[in-house]
């Protein structure tokens, strides 16, 4: 049993937050309490001012119709096809994959409201912590709590900036709706970098993903990783010349970061931040699956995770197996199955499915082909009055399935296998598994370093082959940008980074065909033509948000 450090019943709730309803600045008091009692000592200050910042983090990865879905099912990695009635949902999922979202897209509103709710929690926490610091200037624990809260606010703003581009920077609980402004994306980027850099020295050096006082909390490891992620995407995030034609991105070699008093460009910064992760003791696990098994809180590779446990951390995780596996597949293990999400045929080509030399991570990441029960026997699928050997058909995945597709309506597409299946009865039919959700992983950092070196004109072979050797994949020589984009899919499938990667590599465009997954694009150029029917590398700000504040404007192309 995992010891519970974060999901402790709080003595009192934070007094205000960003509402998850229509007004994202509306205060929403949830409780009243004796502040002298609630903040009487260091432990209570943490519980009542900081712990709340980690509540509902499963919305980033495990919750249906939130951040993870926007970053995964809009990419060339995976989608939720319409299987003759199942998963039609008014075309929601299919339009997400086809980049046909608009200004009233439900997932945009859900993610926006959630992320600003968490920003509100951070602002409320910081207001209280600063008040306590003024009253107790000798309380040496308060600066570290303030740094943690600032870092978490930067963390949530990262997702807002990445998804929506130009977003309001609200850093005070006293900000009125009429005062909200919409800075350029580059300003939000600079704010996030500054908050993390200034907070870093005060953050713990302990590993956040492992059991202990800092389990599930933002420490130096997550901060260095997020700074590396900001640096590798710097040319995207500092591009304020938006239009629906050619994107004229700045040169990341001219975007400077201050590290240990030294000015370095964005790609050099990536390398330095990744090296600092290594200094903290993060390494590649010898076994790839140690990062995703039921005891993955022991991993020395995972950097930032969302603690999971049916008792201590009951975060619902529909993303894991429930949404992807077929009903028959789930039932064979006493678990739920929704028969939804699957890999694209393009992803399967990258993994080498059906070839003589598939990537070893194909079998680690996907159910593709025959499916077996706990007894080792192939499952039986009942369809059309027949009993058929059960198998998933990876190359039959289509955005819209048709009646003529027959049994493929049920079995089309390879399914998610990456996280070990939790068949423990306490896992609530598989929706409350014990695998911690992985947000940041050192393998990702190593690949960011490889990419940065390549963009600086250096060889990336060492880093890429370090990743490939771990799983027994054939080593590569003279690694290219296209190789790195493919390697990121091979290594990070189902981890929520594909849209981010495709935007940076210039391949985040609409599929070429309305039914089948489109043809692979070249990743060799940073300047590319976006679809003339709309600007799609960021999502539209939901129309309901814009109606609240006339100072805000819609993203270009919508």
Protein backbone atom coordinates (compact mmCIF):
# COMPACT_ATOMS: atom_id res chain seq x y z
CA UNK A 1 0.00 0.00 0.00
CA UNK A 2 1.34 3.42 -0.91
CA UNK A 3 1.60 5.75 2.02
CA UNK A 4 -0.68 8.73 1.57
CA UNK A 5 1.15 12.07 1.58
CA UNK A 6 -0.99 14.15 -0.78
CA UNK A 7 -4.55 12.91 -0.56
CA UNK A 8 -4.98 13.75 3.12
CA UNK A 9 -8.27 15.29 4.14
CA UNK A 10 -7.47 18.97 4.45
CA UNK A 11 -8.28 20.84 7.63
CA UNK A 12 -9.87 23.48 5.45
CA UNK A 13 -10.21 24.22 1.76
CA UNK A 14 -8.62 27.15 -0.02
CA UNK A 15 -11.05 30.05 0.15
CA UNK A 16 -11.22 30.89 -3.55
CA UNK A 17 -10.49 29.40 -6.94
CA UNK A 18 -11.17 29.97 -10.59
CA UNK A 19 -14.69 28.71 -11.15
CA UNK A 20 -15.08 25.74 -13.48
CA UNK A 21 -18.26 27.33 -14.76
CA UNK A 22 -18.64 30.26 -17.12
CA UNK A 23 -16.61 32.92 -15.28
CA UNK A 24 -13.03 31.74 -15.00
CA UNK A 25 -12.18 34.54 -12.52
CA UNK A 26 -15.24 34.15 -10.34
CA UNK A 27 -14.41 33.51 -6.67
CA UNK A 28 -15.97 30.39 -5.27
CA UNK A 29 -15.60 30.14 -1.49
CA UNK A 30 -16.01 26.52 -0.43
CA UNK A 31 -15.53 26.61 3.32
CA UNK A 32 -14.91 28.80 6.33
CA UNK A 33 -12.37 28.03 9.01
CA UNK A 34 -10.36 29.39 11.90
CA UNK A 35 -7.18 30.55 10.18
CA UNK A 36 -5.21 30.53 13.42
CA UNK A 37 -5.93 26.82 13.70
CA UNK A 38 -5.60 25.99 10.00
CA UNK A 39 -2.12 27.53 9.65
CA UNK A 40 -0.77 26.88 13.13
CA UNK A 41 2.35 24.98 12.06
CA UNK A 42 4.45 23.97 9.05
CA UNK A 43 2.50 20.78 8.34
CA UNK A 44 -0.86 22.53 8.47
CA UNK A 45 0.39 25.33 6.23
CA UNK A 46 1.37 22.72 3.65
CA UNK A 47 -1.94 20.88 3.92
CA UNK A 48 -4.10 23.98 3.71
CA UNK A 49 -2.12 26.16 1.31
CA UNK A 50 -0.06 23.85 -0.92
CA UNK A 51 -1.53 20.32 -1.11
CA UNK A 52 -4.62 21.59 -2.93
CA UNK A 53 -2.43 22.52 -5.92
CA UNK A 54 -2.12 18.81 -6.76
CA UNK A 55 -5.81 18.00 -6.59
CA UNK A 56 -7.45 16.76 -9.81
CA UNK A 57 -4.15 16.35 -11.62
CA UNK A 58 -5.61 13.27 -13.29
CA UNK A 59 -7.42 15.75 -15.56
CA UNK A 60 -4.07 16.25 -17.30
CA UNK A 61 -3.72 12.58 -18.27
CA UNK A 62 -6.48 10.28 -17.13
CA UNK A 63 -9.77 12.11 -17.36
CA UNK A 64 -12.01 11.79 -20.41
CA UNK A 65 -12.39 14.94 -22.58
CA UNK A 66 -9.54 16.96 -21.14
CA UNK A 67 -5.92 17.94 -21.79
CA UNK A 68 -4.55 14.52 -22.77
CA UNK A 69 -7.24 14.01 -25.39
CA UNK A 70 -6.47 17.34 -27.05
CA UNK A 71 -2.77 16.52 -27.26
CA UNK A 72 -3.14 12.92 -28.44
CA UNK A 73 -6.25 12.51 -30.58
CA UNK A 74 -5.48 15.62 -32.64
CA UNK A 75 -2.14 14.08 -33.69
CA UNK A 76 -1.05 11.33 -36.07
CA UNK A 77 -0.56 8.95 -33.14
CA UNK A 78 -4.06 7.86 -32.16
CA UNK A 79 -7.76 8.63 -32.50
CA UNK A 80 -11.24 7.45 -31.54
CA UNK A 81 -13.00 6.21 -34.69
CA UNK A 82 -16.74 6.16 -35.10
CA UNK A 83 -17.67 2.47 -35.00
CA UNK A 84 -21.23 2.70 -36.46
CA UNK A 85 -22.83 4.57 -33.59
CA UNK A 86 -20.22 3.93 -30.92
CA UNK A 87 -18.00 6.97 -30.29
CA UNK A 88 -19.87 9.12 -32.77
CA UNK A 89 -20.69 11.72 -30.06
CA UNK A 90 -21.86 14.27 -32.59
CA UNK A 91 -18.59 13.93 -34.48
CA UNK A 92 -16.56 15.25 -31.52
CA UNK A 93 -13.69 12.75 -31.67
CA UNK A 94 -13.55 12.49 -35.43
CA UNK A 95 -13.49 16.28 -35.83
CA UNK A 96 -10.70 16.48 -33.25
CA UNK A 97 -8.56 14.15 -35.34
CA UNK A 98 -9.49 15.92 -38.60
CA UNK A 99 -8.71 19.35 -37.08
CA UNK A 100 -12.30 20.43 -37.54
CA UNK A 101 -12.70 21.86 -34.05
CA UNK A 102 -14.13 25.36 -33.84
CA UNK A 103 -14.87 28.07 -31.31
CA UNK A 104 -17.48 26.01 -29.41
CA UNK A 105 -15.38 22.87 -28.93
CA UNK A 106 -16.23 21.13 -25.64
CA UNK A 107 -12.72 19.84 -24.96
CA UNK A 108 -11.28 23.35 -25.28
CA UNK A 109 -13.69 24.67 -22.69
CA UNK A 110 -13.10 21.74 -20.33
CA UNK A 111 -9.33 22.12 -20.43
CA UNK A 112 -9.40 25.92 -20.19
CA UNK A 113 -11.69 25.85 -17.15
CA UNK A 114 -9.71 23.15 -15.39
CA UNK A 115 -6.32 24.80 -15.95
CA UNK A 116 -7.51 28.21 -14.83
CA UNK A 117 -9.14 26.65 -11.78
CA UNK A 118 -5.70 25.31 -10.85
CA UNK A 119 -4.03 28.66 -11.59
CA UNK A 120 -6.59 30.17 -9.22
CA UNK A 121 -5.66 27.68 -6.52
CA UNK A 122 -2.01 28.64 -6.98
CA UNK A 123 -2.76 32.35 -6.73
CA UNK A 124 -4.81 31.81 -3.59
CA UNK A 125 -2.04 29.71 -2.06
CA UNK A 126 0.59 32.32 -2.87
CA UNK A 127 -1.51 35.12 -1.39
CA UNK A 128 -1.82 33.22 1.88
CA UNK A 129 1.84 32.17 1.94
CA UNK A 130 3.01 35.73 1.36
CA UNK A 131 0.71 36.90 4.14
CA UNK A 132 2.19 34.30 6.49
CA UNK A 133 5.74 35.28 5.48
CA UNK A 134 5.02 38.90 6.37
CA UNK A 135 3.69 37.78 9.76
CA UNK A 136 6.44 35.19 10.35
CA UNK A 137 9.64 36.42 8.66
CA UNK A 138 11.70 33.81 10.51
CA UNK A 139 9.66 30.82 9.26
CA UNK A 140 12.34 29.27 7.07
CA UNK A 141 9.96 26.78 5.41
CA UNK A 142 7.77 29.44 3.78
CA UNK A 143 10.13 30.43 0.91
CA UNK A 144 10.25 26.78 -0.21
CA UNK A 145 6.45 26.53 -0.15
CA UNK A 146 6.21 29.77 -2.13
CA UNK A 147 8.66 28.41 -4.70
CA UNK A 148 6.62 25.21 -4.98
CA UNK A 149 3.39 27.16 -5.53
CA UNK A 150 5.01 29.44 -8.12
CA UNK A 151 6.35 26.38 -9.94
CA UNK A 152 2.97 24.69 -10.00
CA UNK A 153 1.38 27.85 -11.37
CA UNK A 154 4.05 27.90 -14.10
CA UNK A 155 3.33 24.22 -14.74
CA UNK A 156 -0.38 24.87 -15.36
CA UNK A 157 0.39 27.94 -17.45
CA UNK A 158 2.65 25.77 -19.62
CA UNK A 159 -0.33 23.67 -20.69
CA UNK A 160 -2.48 26.78 -21.24
CA UNK A 161 0.17 28.43 -23.39
CA UNK A 162 0.87 25.25 -25.33
CA UNK A 163 -2.80 24.57 -26.10
CA UNK A 164 -4.13 28.09 -26.60
CA UNK A 165 -1.17 30.40 -27.30
CA UNK A 166 -2.24 33.85 -26.12
CA UNK A 167 -3.75 33.41 -22.67
CA UNK A 168 -4.44 35.84 -19.80
CA UNK A 169 -1.67 36.07 -17.22
CA UNK A 170 -3.49 36.36 -13.92
CA UNK A 171 -1.18 36.31 -10.92
CA UNK A 172 -3.33 37.83 -8.19
CA UNK A 173 -6.56 36.88 -6.46
CA UNK A 174 -7.54 40.55 -6.62
CA UNK A 175 -7.63 40.76 -10.43
CA UNK A 176 -11.04 41.80 -11.74
CA UNK A 177 -12.48 40.50 -14.97
CA UNK A 178 -12.32 44.00 -16.47
CA UNK A 179 -8.57 44.07 -15.77
CA UNK A 180 -7.76 40.83 -17.57
CA UNK A 181 -5.48 41.29 -20.56
CA UNK A 182 -4.27 38.87 -23.21
CA UNK A 183 -0.50 39.12 -23.68
CA UNK A 184 1.39 37.65 -26.60
CA UNK A 185 2.43 34.02 -26.31
CA UNK A 186 6.08 35.04 -25.96
CA UNK A 187 5.26 37.03 -22.83
CA UNK A 188 3.57 34.02 -21.26
CA UNK A 189 6.59 31.92 -22.22
CA UNK A 190 8.99 34.38 -20.57
CA UNK A 191 6.84 34.45 -17.44
CA UNK A 192 6.89 30.66 -17.11
CA UNK A 193 10.66 30.48 -17.62
CA UNK A 194 11.29 33.25 -15.07
CA UNK A 195 9.04 31.66 -12.44
CA UNK A 196 10.78 28.30 -12.77
CA UNK A 197 14.31 29.71 -12.81
CA UNK A 198 13.72 31.86 -9.73
CA UNK A 199 12.02 29.01 -7.86
CA UNK A 200 14.56 26.28 -8.67
CA UNK A 201 17.13 26.97 -5.91
CA UNK A 202 14.42 26.65 -3.26
CA UNK A 203 12.87 23.43 -4.57
CA UNK A 204 13.77 20.07 -3.08
CA UNK A 205 16.34 17.88 -4.82
CA UNK A 206 14.33 14.78 -3.82
CA UNK A 207 12.76 12.62 -6.53
CA UNK A 208 9.12 13.52 -6.91
CA UNK A 209 8.04 10.20 -8.38
CA UNK A 210 9.19 8.06 -5.46
CA UNK A 211 7.70 7.40 -2.03
CA UNK A 212 8.51 9.96 0.63
CA UNK A 213 7.71 13.49 1.73
CA UNK A 214 7.88 14.84 -1.83
CA UNK A 215 5.97 12.04 -3.55
CA UNK A 216 3.90 13.61 -6.34
CA UNK A 217 5.19 17.12 -5.61
CA UNK A 218 7.05 19.59 -7.82
CA UNK A 219 10.77 19.37 -7.07
CA UNK A 220 13.93 20.29 -8.99
CA UNK A 221 13.59 17.32 -11.34
CA UNK A 222 10.23 18.39 -12.79
CA UNK A 223 11.47 21.99 -12.94
CA UNK A 224 14.55 21.11 -15.01
CA UNK A 225 12.47 18.89 -17.29
CA UNK A 226 9.86 21.59 -17.89
CA UNK A 227 12.57 24.18 -18.59
CA UNK A 228 14.09 21.78 -21.14
CA UNK A 229 10.66 21.35 -22.73
CA UNK A 230 10.23 25.14 -22.90
CA UNK A 231 13.68 25.55 -24.42
CA UNK A 232 13.27 22.89 -27.12
CA UNK A 233 9.99 24.57 -28.13
CA UNK A 234 11.29 28.13 -27.75
CA UNK A 235 11.02 29.02 -31.42
CA UNK A 236 7.35 27.93 -31.37
CA UNK A 237 6.41 29.70 -28.15
CA UNK A 238 8.13 32.99 -29.00
CA UNK A 239 6.55 33.26 -32.47
CA UNK A 240 4.05 36.13 -32.23
CA UNK A 241 3.71 36.62 -36.00
CA UNK A 242 0.69 34.39 -36.34
CA UNK A 243 -1.21 34.11 -39.56
CA UNK A 244 -2.87 31.40 -41.63
CA UNK A 245 -0.02 31.15 -44.10
CA UNK A 246 3.70 30.65 -43.61
CA UNK A 247 4.90 30.65 -40.01
CA UNK A 248 8.08 32.71 -39.75
CA UNK A 249 9.51 31.33 -36.55
CA UNK A 250 12.45 32.98 -34.80
CA UNK A 251 15.76 31.19 -34.71
CA UNK A 252 16.02 29.26 -31.43
CA UNK A 253 19.78 29.85 -31.51
CA UNK A 254 19.07 33.52 -30.78
CA UNK A 255 16.71 32.88 -27.84
CA UNK A 256 18.78 33.12 -24.69
CA UNK A 257 18.48 31.41 -21.30
CA UNK A 258 20.38 32.36 -18.16
CA UNK A 259 21.79 29.21 -16.54
CA UNK A 260 24.14 29.54 -13.57
CA UNK A 261 24.95 33.09 -14.62
CA UNK A 262 25.82 32.05 -18.19
CA UNK A 263 23.87 33.15 -21.26
CA UNK A 264 23.20 30.21 -23.59
CA UNK A 265 20.86 29.75 -26.53
CA UNK A 266 17.73 27.64 -26.33
CA UNK A 267 19.28 24.43 -27.70
CA UNK A 268 22.32 24.77 -25.46
CA UNK A 269 19.93 25.29 -22.56
CA UNK A 270 18.17 22.00 -23.35
CA UNK A 271 21.47 20.14 -23.08
CA UNK A 272 22.38 21.81 -19.78
CA UNK A 273 18.95 21.17 -18.23
CA UNK A 274 19.03 17.51 -19.23
CA UNK A 275 22.53 17.17 -17.79
CA UNK A 276 21.25 18.59 -14.51
CA UNK A 277 18.58 15.87 -14.45
CA UNK A 278 21.35 13.31 -14.73
CA UNK A 279 23.16 14.99 -11.83
CA UNK A 280 20.01 14.52 -9.73
CA UNK A 281 20.20 10.78 -10.36
CA UNK A 282 17.67 10.26 -13.15
CA UNK A 283 18.68 7.45 -15.49
CA UNK A 284 17.12 5.16 -18.07
CA UNK A 285 15.68 2.07 -16.40
CA UNK A 286 17.25 -1.12 -17.74
CA UNK A 287 13.73 -2.48 -18.27
CA UNK A 288 11.45 -0.19 -20.30
CA UNK A 289 8.36 -1.54 -18.52
CA UNK A 290 9.63 -0.57 -15.04
CA UNK A 291 8.25 2.87 -15.86
CA UNK A 292 4.70 1.60 -16.38
CA UNK A 293 4.18 -1.41 -14.13
CA UNK A 294 2.03 -1.49 -11.00
CA UNK A 295 4.98 -0.45 -8.83
CA UNK A 296 6.37 2.23 -11.10
CA UNK A 297 6.83 4.56 -8.13
CA UNK A 298 10.22 2.78 -7.85
CA UNK A 299 11.38 3.98 -11.27
CA UNK A 300 14.59 6.02 -11.46
CA UNK A 301 13.53 7.27 -14.90
CA UNK A 302 10.13 8.79 -14.20
CA UNK A 303 10.50 12.43 -13.17
CA UNK A 304 6.98 13.70 -12.43
CA UNK A 305 4.04 11.38 -11.92
CA UNK A 306 0.49 11.49 -10.61
CA UNK A 307 0.27 9.07 -7.66
CA UNK A 308 -2.34 6.36 -8.13
CA UNK A 309 -3.84 3.91 -5.66
CA UNK A 310 -7.45 2.70 -5.28
CA UNK A 311 -7.40 3.63 -1.58
CA UNK A 312 -4.93 6.47 -1.11
CA UNK A 313 -5.07 8.18 -4.51
CA UNK A 314 -8.37 7.21 -6.18
CA UNK A 315 -7.87 9.20 -9.38
CA UNK A 316 -10.12 7.93 -12.13
CA UNK A 317 -8.06 6.88 -15.14
CA UNK A 318 -10.31 6.10 -18.09
CA UNK A 319 -7.41 6.77 -20.46
CA UNK A 320 -5.44 3.72 -19.33
CA UNK A 321 -7.08 0.51 -20.57
CA UNK A 322 -10.79 1.16 -20.10
CA UNK A 323 -11.32 3.44 -23.09
CA UNK A 324 -9.09 1.52 -25.49
CA UNK A 325 -9.84 -2.17 -24.93
CA UNK A 326 -12.72 -4.06 -26.50
CA UNK A 327 -15.59 -5.19 -24.26
CA UNK A 328 -14.60 -8.84 -24.71
CA UNK A 329 -10.98 -8.06 -23.89
CA UNK A 330 -11.88 -6.29 -20.65
CA UNK A 331 -14.46 -8.87 -19.58
CA UNK A 332 -11.88 -11.65 -19.89
CA UNK A 333 -10.04 -10.07 -16.97
CA UNK A 334 -13.11 -8.93 -15.03
CA UNK A 335 -12.56 -5.33 -16.16
CA UNK A 336 -14.41 -2.67 -18.14
CA UNK A 337 -13.81 -1.97 -21.81
CA UNK A 338 -15.22 0.82 -23.97
CA UNK A 339 -13.77 -0.23 -27.35
CA UNK A 340 -12.65 3.27 -28.29
CA UNK A 341 -9.17 4.69 -28.82
CA UNK A 342 -6.68 3.03 -31.14
CA UNK A 343 -3.44 3.73 -32.96
CA UNK A 344 -3.43 5.21 -36.43
CA UNK A 345 -2.16 3.19 -39.36
CA UNK A 346 0.57 5.82 -39.73
CA UNK A 347 1.80 5.07 -36.21
CA UNK A 348 1.82 1.37 -37.01
CA UNK A 349 4.01 2.03 -40.05
CA UNK A 350 6.52 3.87 -37.88
CA UNK A 351 6.57 0.90 -35.49
CA UNK A 352 7.17 -1.45 -38.43
CA UNK A 353 4.00 -3.46 -37.92
CA UNK A 354 3.76 -6.29 -40.44
CA UNK A 355 7.43 -6.05 -41.42
CA UNK A 356 10.23 -8.52 -40.76
CA UNK A 357 11.87 -6.16 -38.26
CA UNK A 358 9.26 -4.33 -36.13
CA UNK A 359 10.47 -2.08 -33.36
CA UNK A 360 10.61 -4.00 -30.05
CA UNK A 361 8.40 -1.34 -28.45
CA UNK A 362 5.50 -2.38 -30.71
CA UNK A 363 4.71 -5.33 -28.46
CA UNK A 364 5.39 -3.26 -25.33
CA UNK A 365 3.06 -0.42 -26.29
CA UNK A 366 0.20 -2.04 -28.25
CA UNK A 367 -2.18 -4.94 -28.41
CA UNK A 368 -1.90 -5.71 -32.14
CA UNK A 369 -3.06 -9.06 -33.52
CA UNK A 370 -4.33 -12.02 -31.46
CA UNK A 371 -5.55 -11.24 -27.94
CA UNK A 372 -5.25 -13.74 -25.10
CA UNK A 373 -7.02 -14.23 -21.79
CA UNK A 374 -5.45 -14.78 -18.38
CA UNK A 375 -5.32 -18.52 -19.13
CA UNK A 376 -3.12 -17.95 -22.17
CA UNK A 377 -5.84 -18.99 -24.62
CA UNK A 378 -6.84 -16.74 -27.50
CA UNK A 379 -10.12 -14.98 -26.78
CA UNK A 380 -13.27 -15.60 -28.80
CA UNK A 381 -15.28 -12.75 -30.31
CA UNK A 382 -18.98 -13.21 -30.91
CA UNK A 383 -20.00 -11.28 -34.01
CA UNK A 384 -22.87 -11.69 -36.48
CA UNK A 385 -23.92 -14.97 -34.93
CA UNK A 386 -20.43 -16.43 -35.29
CA UNK A 387 -17.63 -17.13 -32.85
CA UNK A 388 -14.35 -15.83 -34.22
CA UNK A 389 -10.78 -15.90 -32.87
CA UNK A 390 -10.31 -12.47 -31.28
CA UNK A 391 -7.62 -10.20 -32.69
CA UNK A 392 -7.10 -6.50 -33.20
CA UNK A 393 -6.58 -5.36 -36.81
CA UNK A 394 -4.07 -2.45 -36.72
CA UNK A 395 -4.18 -1.58 -40.42
CA UNK A 396 -7.98 -1.35 -40.60
CA UNK A 397 -8.27 1.82 -38.48
CA UNK A 398 -10.47 4.48 -40.09
CA UNK A 399 -11.90 7.75 -38.83
CA UNK A 400 -15.40 6.63 -39.81
CA UNK A 401 -16.15 2.91 -39.80
CA UNK A 402 -18.87 1.66 -42.14
CA UNK A 403 -21.36 -1.20 -42.07
CA UNK A 404 -19.50 -2.77 -44.98
CA UNK A 405 -16.41 -3.03 -42.78
CA UNK A 406 -18.07 -5.93 -40.98
CA UNK A 407 -16.17 -7.29 -37.99
CA UNK A 408 -13.55 -4.54 -38.38
CA UNK A 409 -16.06 -2.15 -36.86
CA UNK A 410 -15.32 -3.93 -33.58
CA UNK A 411 -11.63 -4.81 -33.83
CA UNK A 412 -10.02 -2.14 -36.05
CA UNK A 413 -6.92 -0.47 -34.64
CA UNK A 414 -4.09 -1.45 -32.28
CA UNK A 415 -4.89 -0.73 -28.64
CA UNK A 416 -2.95 0.77 -25.73
CA UNK A 417 -0.86 -1.77 -23.81
CA UNK A 418 1.89 0.36 -22.29
CA UNK A 419 0.75 0.34 -18.67
CA UNK A 420 0.58 -3.00 -16.90
CA UNK A 421 -3.02 -4.15 -16.57
CA UNK A 422 -4.26 -3.98 -12.98
CA UNK A 423 -6.62 -6.89 -12.42
CA UNK A 424 -6.80 -6.37 -8.65
CA UNK A 425 -10.46 -6.24 -7.51
CA UNK A 426 -9.70 -2.96 -5.74
CA UNK A 427 -9.02 -1.29 -9.07
CA UNK A 428 -12.75 -0.68 -9.67
CA UNK A 429 -12.98 -2.63 -12.92
CA UNK A 430 -9.70 -1.16 -14.08
CA UNK A 431 -10.59 2.51 -13.64
CA UNK A 432 -8.57 2.98 -10.42
CA UNK A 433 -5.27 1.22 -11.23
CA UNK A 434 -2.13 1.33 -9.11
CA UNK A 435 0.25 2.45 -11.89
CA UNK A 436 1.22 6.08 -11.32
CA UNK A 437 0.47 8.28 -14.34
CA UNK A 438 3.71 9.37 -15.99
CA UNK A 439 3.88 13.06 -16.92
CA UNK A 440 7.65 13.62 -17.31
CA UNK A 441 10.20 10.89 -18.08
CA UNK A 442 13.99 10.96 -18.46
CA UNK A 443 13.85 9.13 -21.81
CA UNK A 444 11.97 12.15 -23.16
CA UNK A 445 14.72 14.41 -21.81
CA UNK A 446 17.42 12.31 -23.50
CA UNK A 447 15.60 12.64 -26.82
CA UNK A 448 15.25 16.39 -26.30
CA UNK A 449 19.02 16.54 -25.80
CA UNK A 450 19.54 14.54 -28.98
CA UNK A 451 17.32 16.91 -30.93
CA UNK A 452 19.03 19.98 -29.50
CA UNK A 453 22.46 18.63 -30.44
CA UNK A 454 21.29 17.88 -33.97
CA UNK A 455 19.83 21.36 -34.40
CA UNK A 456 23.18 22.74 -33.26
CA UNK A 457 24.91 20.77 -36.02
CA UNK A 458 26.22 18.02 -33.74
CA UNK A 459 25.66 14.27 -33.90
CA UNK A 460 22.63 12.87 -32.07
CA UNK A 461 23.59 9.22 -32.54
CA UNK A 462 24.77 8.59 -28.96
CA UNK A 463 21.57 9.73 -27.27
CA UNK A 464 19.20 8.12 -29.77
CA UNK A 465 21.03 4.80 -29.56
CA UNK A 466 21.03 4.97 -25.78
CA UNK A 467 17.24 4.90 -26.04
CA UNK A 468 17.18 2.22 -28.73
CA UNK A 469 19.75 -0.05 -27.09
CA UNK A 470 17.63 -0.23 -23.95
CA UNK A 471 14.90 -2.13 -25.83
CA UNK A 472 17.16 -4.01 -28.22
CA UNK A 473 16.32 -1.94 -31.31
CA UNK A 474 18.78 -1.76 -34.19
CA UNK A 475 21.23 1.14 -33.67
CA UNK A 476 21.10 4.12 -36.03
CA UNK A 477 23.86 6.18 -37.63
CA UNK A 478 23.71 9.73 -39.00
CA UNK A 479 20.45 10.39 -37.17
CA UNK A 480 18.21 13.01 -38.82
CA UNK A 481 15.32 15.15 -37.60
CA UNK A 482 12.91 12.71 -39.21
CA UNK A 483 14.56 9.91 -37.23
CA UNK A 484 14.13 11.82 -33.99
CA UNK A 485 10.46 12.55 -34.65
CA UNK A 486 9.90 8.85 -35.31
CA UNK A 487 11.93 7.87 -32.25
CA UNK A 488 9.80 10.12 -30.07
CA UNK A 489 6.70 8.27 -31.27
CA UNK A 490 8.34 4.89 -30.70
CA UNK A 491 9.44 5.78 -27.18
CA UNK A 492 6.64 8.08 -26.00
CA UNK A 493 3.49 6.60 -27.55
CA UNK A 494 0.40 7.14 -25.35
CA UNK A 495 2.26 9.62 -23.12
CA UNK A 496 0.55 12.80 -24.34
CA UNK A 497 3.39 14.56 -26.22
CA UNK A 498 2.67 13.84 -29.89
CA UNK A 499 0.84 17.08 -30.76
CA UNK A 500 3.58 19.11 -29.07
CA UNK A 501 6.20 17.25 -31.10
CA UNK A 502 4.37 17.57 -34.40
CA UNK A 503 3.90 21.31 -33.98
CA UNK A 504 7.62 21.75 -33.33
CA UNK A 505 8.60 19.56 -36.29
CA UNK A 506 6.12 21.20 -38.64
CA UNK A 507 3.92 18.14 -39.28
CA UNK A 508 0.81 19.08 -37.32
CA UNK A 509 -1.60 19.40 -40.24
CA UNK A 510 -4.94 17.98 -41.20
CA UNK A 511 -4.99 14.34 -42.40
CA UNK A 512 -5.01 14.18 -46.19
CA UNK A 513 -8.03 11.88 -46.35
CA UNK A 514 -11.35 12.18 -44.51
CA UNK A 515 -11.49 8.44 -43.78
CA UNK A 516 -7.96 7.14 -43.56
CA UNK A 517 -4.88 8.41 -41.79
CA UNK A 518 -2.90 10.76 -44.00
CA UNK A 519 0.50 10.41 -45.57
CA UNK A 520 3.57 11.14 -43.45
CA UNK A 521 5.04 14.62 -43.80
CA UNK A 522 8.68 15.65 -43.78
CA UNK A 523 10.02 17.01 -40.47
CA UNK A 524 13.07 18.64 -42.02
CA UNK A 525 11.81 22.23 -42.20
CA UNK A 526 10.71 24.57 -39.44
CA UNK A 527 8.80 26.82 -41.87
CA UNK A 528 5.65 25.21 -43.15
CA UNK A 529 2.28 25.99 -44.66
CA UNK A 530 -0.66 25.43 -42.36
CA UNK A 531 -4.02 24.38 -43.73
CA UNK A 532 -5.60 27.33 -45.54
CA UNK A 533 -9.00 26.64 -43.95
CA UNK A 534 -7.76 27.52 -40.48
CA UNK A 535 -4.86 27.96 -38.12
CA UNK A 536 -4.68 24.66 -36.31
CA UNK A 537 -1.46 24.47 -34.28
CA UNK A 538 -3.30 26.01 -31.32
CA UNK A 539 -6.90 25.54 -30.33
CA UNK A 540 -9.57 28.19 -30.45
CA UNK A 541 -10.42 29.95 -27.22
CA UNK A 542 -13.98 28.90 -26.49
CA UNK A 543 -16.54 31.48 -27.51
CA UNK A 544 -18.09 31.50 -24.02
CA UNK A 545 -14.76 32.70 -22.59
CA UNK A 546 -14.53 35.53 -25.10
CA UNK A 547 -18.08 36.64 -24.33
CA UNK A 548 -17.02 37.23 -20.72
CA UNK A 549 -14.29 39.71 -21.59
CA UNK A 550 -14.31 42.07 -24.60
CA UNK A 551 -10.57 42.69 -24.02
CA UNK A 552 -9.78 39.22 -25.32
CA UNK A 553 -9.66 38.22 -28.98
CA UNK A 554 -9.81 34.88 -30.77
CA UNK A 555 -6.73 33.12 -32.08
CA UNK A 556 -6.01 33.79 -35.78
CA UNK A 557 -7.72 31.54 -38.28
CA UNK A 558 -10.93 30.96 -36.32
